């Protein structure tokens, strides 16, 4: 599984910790929390997905 920041304003997601690869169902939740906290510390605003969007993205 992969987590990736979706933003047209961030050209290089890796520069802000906006990408994580090789995740499992057990590690995706903590990785998402860590990513959101890291982005917030850099002044980025995050918007949570709805549970329906998360479900669709996770099952793709």
C-alpha atoms as a PDB file:
ATOM      1  CA  UNK A   1       0.000   0.000   0.000  1.00  0.00           C
ATOM      2  CA  UNK A   2       1.085   3.579  -0.659  1.00  0.00           C
ATOM      3  CA  UNK A   3       0.195   6.929   0.941  1.00  0.00           C
ATOM      4  CA  UNK A   4       0.738  10.065  -1.117  1.00  0.00           C
ATOM      5  CA  UNK A   5      -0.072  13.719  -0.582  1.00  0.00           C
ATOM      6  CA  UNK A   6      -2.504  15.051  -3.158  1.00  0.00           C
ATOM      7  CA  UNK A   7      -1.678  18.698  -3.774  1.00  0.00           C
ATOM      8  CA  UNK A   8      -1.035  20.838  -6.827  1.00  0.00           C
ATOM      9  CA  UNK A   9       0.964  23.228  -4.626  1.00  0.00           C
ATOM     10  CA  UNK A  10       3.588  20.707  -3.502  1.00  0.00           C
ATOM     11  CA  UNK A  11       5.817  19.806  -6.456  1.00  0.00           C
ATOM     12  CA  UNK A  12       8.047  17.306  -4.682  1.00  0.00           C
ATOM     13  CA  UNK A  13       6.027  15.267  -2.199  1.00  0.00           C
ATOM     14  CA  UNK A  14       9.164  13.613  -0.815  1.00  0.00           C
ATOM     15  CA  UNK A  15      10.535  17.017   0.259  1.00  0.00           C
ATOM     16  CA  UNK A  16       7.717  17.351   2.796  1.00  0.00           C
ATOM     17  CA  UNK A  17       7.351  13.707   3.807  1.00  0.00           C
ATOM     18  CA  UNK A  18       4.319  13.357   1.570  1.00  0.00           C
ATOM     19  CA  UNK A  19       4.861   9.801   0.392  1.00  0.00           C
ATOM     20  CA  UNK A  20       5.108   6.412   2.077  1.00  0.00           C
ATOM     21  CA  UNK A  21       5.463   3.067   0.284  1.00  0.00           C
ATOM     22  CA  UNK A  22       5.390  -0.574   1.289  1.00  0.00           C
ATOM     23  CA  UNK A  23       2.672  -0.154   3.890  1.00  0.00           C
ATOM     24  CA  UNK A  24       0.494  -2.947   5.235  1.00  0.00           C
ATOM     25  CA  UNK A  25      -3.007  -2.761   6.711  1.00  0.00           C
ATOM     26  CA  UNK A  26      -1.347  -2.667  10.152  1.00  0.00           C
ATOM     27  CA  UNK A  27       1.078   0.170   9.321  1.00  0.00           C
ATOM     28  CA  UNK A  28      -1.039   2.437   7.112  1.00  0.00           C
ATOM     29  CA  UNK A  29      -2.911   4.092  10.025  1.00  0.00           C
ATOM     30  CA  UNK A  30       0.184   5.045  12.027  1.00  0.00           C
ATOM     31  CA  UNK A  31       1.950   6.138   8.823  1.00  0.00           C
ATOM     32  CA  UNK A  32      -0.969   8.413   7.941  1.00  0.00           C
ATOM     33  CA  UNK A  33      -0.966   9.976  11.409  1.00  0.00           C
ATOM     34  CA  UNK A  34       2.789  10.537  11.207  1.00  0.00           C
ATOM     35  CA  UNK A  35       2.457  12.096   7.735  1.00  0.00           C
ATOM     36  CA  UNK A  36      -0.349  14.450   8.813  1.00  0.00           C
ATOM     37  CA  UNK A  37       1.598  15.550  11.911  1.00  0.00           C
ATOM     38  CA  UNK A  38       4.746  16.151   9.853  1.00  0.00           C
ATOM     39  CA  UNK A  39       2.877  18.179   7.252  1.00  0.00           C
ATOM     40  CA  UNK A  40       1.135  20.246   9.938  1.00  0.00           C
ATOM     41  CA  UNK A  41       4.498  20.983  11.580  1.00  0.00           C
ATOM     42  CA  UNK A  42       5.632  22.425   8.238  1.00  0.00           C
ATOM     43  CA  UNK A  43       2.568  24.658   8.004  1.00  0.00           C
ATOM     44  CA  UNK A  44       0.601  22.504   5.562  1.00  0.00           C
ATOM     45  CA  UNK A  45      -3.135  22.231   6.058  1.00  0.00           C
ATOM     46  CA  UNK A  46      -4.619  18.772   5.725  1.00  0.00           C
ATOM     47  CA  UNK A  47      -8.180  17.744   4.967  1.00  0.00           C
ATOM     48  CA  UNK A  48      -9.320  14.256   5.958  1.00  0.00           C
ATOM     49  CA  UNK A  49     -10.943  11.951   3.440  1.00  0.00           C
ATOM     50  CA  UNK A  50     -14.421  10.706   4.122  1.00  0.00           C
ATOM     51  CA  UNK A  51     -14.527   7.080   5.223  1.00  0.00           C
ATOM     52  CA  UNK A  52     -16.104   6.218   1.865  1.00  0.00           C
ATOM     53  CA  UNK A  53     -13.221   7.784  -0.094  1.00  0.00           C
ATOM     54  CA  UNK A  54     -10.697   6.070   2.155  1.00  0.00           C
ATOM     55  CA  UNK A  55     -12.400   2.731   1.580  1.00  0.00           C
ATOM     56  CA  UNK A  56     -12.375   3.209  -2.200  1.00  0.00           C
ATOM     57  CA  UNK A  57      -8.750   4.307  -2.230  1.00  0.00           C
ATOM     58  CA  UNK A  58      -7.650   1.482   0.041  1.00  0.00           C
ATOM     59  CA  UNK A  59      -9.361  -1.192  -2.034  1.00  0.00           C
ATOM     60  CA  UNK A  60      -7.996  -0.016  -5.401  1.00  0.00           C
END
